[in-house]
Amino acid sequence: MKPHLVSAAHVKYPPRHTKDVYEFFDETGMKQLGKVRLVPAGMSGWYLADFMIYKRFRGKGHSKTLMDCVLKLAKRKRKKSIFLWVEKTNAAAIKV
């Protein structure tokens, strides 16, 4: 099994965000490496929000893999654009 995203509708977020959260798991499906929140942006796009790899898993290329999973999901859901807003001081996020 490849690293993958799982809908996290059970995560305790405000109701308007619950369905937008995806947990990111490793190849075994046993370790949660991080999560991402995809907020609707119009009819055919998402804002990439709360994109995170948990601290102990950082520096191992998981951000790229998570981004690849997001892009595949966007393609499957026929999204035409993904927006990301990053503080200019957040060097790690800018690399992604």
Protein backbone atom coordinates (compact mmCIF):
# COMPACT_ATOMS: atom_id res chain seq x y z
CA MET A 1 0.00 0.00 0.00
CA LYS A 2 1.28 3.50 -0.83
CA PRO A 3 1.10 6.50 1.51
CA HIS A 4 -2.47 7.73 1.32
CA LEU A 5 -5.11 10.21 2.50
CA VAL A 6 -8.15 9.21 4.53
CA SER A 7 -11.14 11.50 5.11
CA ALA A 8 -11.19 12.55 8.74
CA ALA A 9 -14.84 13.48 9.13
CA HIS A 10 -14.66 12.31 12.75
CA VAL A 11 -11.95 14.86 13.69
CA LYS A 12 -13.23 17.50 16.13
CA TYR A 13 -13.12 20.66 14.01
CA PRO A 14 -15.78 23.34 13.71
CA PRO A 15 -18.63 21.86 11.62
CA ARG A 16 -17.78 23.86 8.50
CA HIS A 17 -14.30 22.26 8.34
CA THR A 18 -15.01 18.66 9.37
CA LYS A 19 -15.44 17.19 5.92
CA ASP A 20 -12.41 19.06 4.59
CA VAL A 21 -9.81 17.31 6.77
CA TYR A 22 -7.74 14.41 5.46
CA GLU A 23 -5.35 12.37 7.56
CA PHE A 24 -2.10 11.26 5.90
CA PHE A 25 -0.93 7.70 6.61
CA ASP A 26 2.23 5.76 5.78
CA GLU A 27 2.44 2.69 3.53
CA THR A 28 1.25 0.35 6.30
CA GLY A 29 -1.79 2.46 7.12
CA MET A 30 -0.79 2.28 10.79
CA LYS A 31 1.17 5.54 11.28
CA GLN A 32 -0.49 8.89 10.84
CA LEU A 33 2.23 11.13 9.41
CA GLY A 34 0.22 14.35 9.18
CA LYS A 35 -2.95 15.91 7.88
CA VAL A 36 -4.27 18.54 5.54
CA ARG A 37 -7.44 20.62 5.37
CA LEU A 38 -8.83 21.44 1.92
CA VAL A 39 -11.23 24.37 2.07
CA PRO A 40 -13.50 24.97 -0.94
CA ALA A 41 -12.46 27.92 -3.11
CA GLY A 42 -15.33 28.57 -5.48
CA MET A 43 -16.83 25.70 -7.46
CA SER A 44 -13.64 24.18 -8.82
CA GLY A 45 -10.81 24.83 -6.39
CA TRP A 46 -9.42 24.38 -2.88
CA TYR A 47 -7.43 26.45 -0.44
CA LEU A 48 -4.70 24.25 0.98
CA ALA A 49 -4.93 24.86 4.73
CA ASP A 50 -3.36 23.24 7.78
CA PHE A 51 -0.89 21.28 5.66
CA MET A 52 1.24 19.54 8.26
CA ILE A 53 3.64 16.69 8.76
CA TYR A 54 4.03 15.79 12.43
CA LYS A 55 7.38 16.80 13.88
CA ARG A 56 8.91 13.33 14.31
CA PHE A 57 8.29 12.51 10.62
CA ARG A 58 9.74 15.71 9.13
CA GLY A 59 12.83 15.78 6.92
CA LYS A 60 12.01 12.47 5.23
CA GLY A 61 10.25 13.66 2.08
CA HIS A 62 6.73 13.20 3.42
CA SER A 63 5.67 16.75 2.49
CA LYS A 64 6.26 16.02 -1.18
CA THR A 65 4.36 12.75 -0.89
CA LEU A 66 1.46 14.47 0.91
CA MET A 67 1.36 17.15 -1.83
CA ASP A 68 1.32 14.40 -4.48
CA CYS A 69 -1.62 12.76 -2.69
CA VAL A 70 -3.46 16.10 -2.57
CA LEU A 71 -2.87 16.67 -6.28
CA LYS A 72 -4.16 13.17 -7.12
CA LEU A 73 -7.25 13.75 -4.98
CA ALA A 74 -7.83 17.11 -6.67
CA LYS A 75 -7.62 15.47 -10.07
CA ARG A 76 -10.07 12.74 -9.01
CA LYS A 77 -12.48 15.38 -7.67
CA ARG A 78 -12.02 17.44 -10.87
CA LYS A 79 -10.61 20.49 -9.10
CA LYS A 80 -8.97 22.99 -11.44
CA SER A 81 -6.95 24.98 -8.91
CA ILE A 82 -5.35 24.78 -5.48
CA PHE A 83 -4.38 27.93 -3.60
CA LEU A 84 -1.76 28.19 -0.89
CA TRP A 85 -1.05 31.22 1.28
CA VAL A 86 2.24 31.12 3.20
CA GLU A 87 4.01 33.58 5.50
CA LYS A 88 7.24 34.67 3.80
CA THR A 89 9.11 33.65 6.96
CA ASN A 90 7.90 30.02 6.70
CA ALA A 91 10.78 28.57 4.66
CA ALA A 92 9.65 24.95 5.06
CA ALA A 93 6.19 25.69 3.60
CA ILE A 94 7.66 27.67 0.72
CA LYS A 95 9.77 24.63 -0.29
CA VAL A 96 6.63 22.51 -0.69
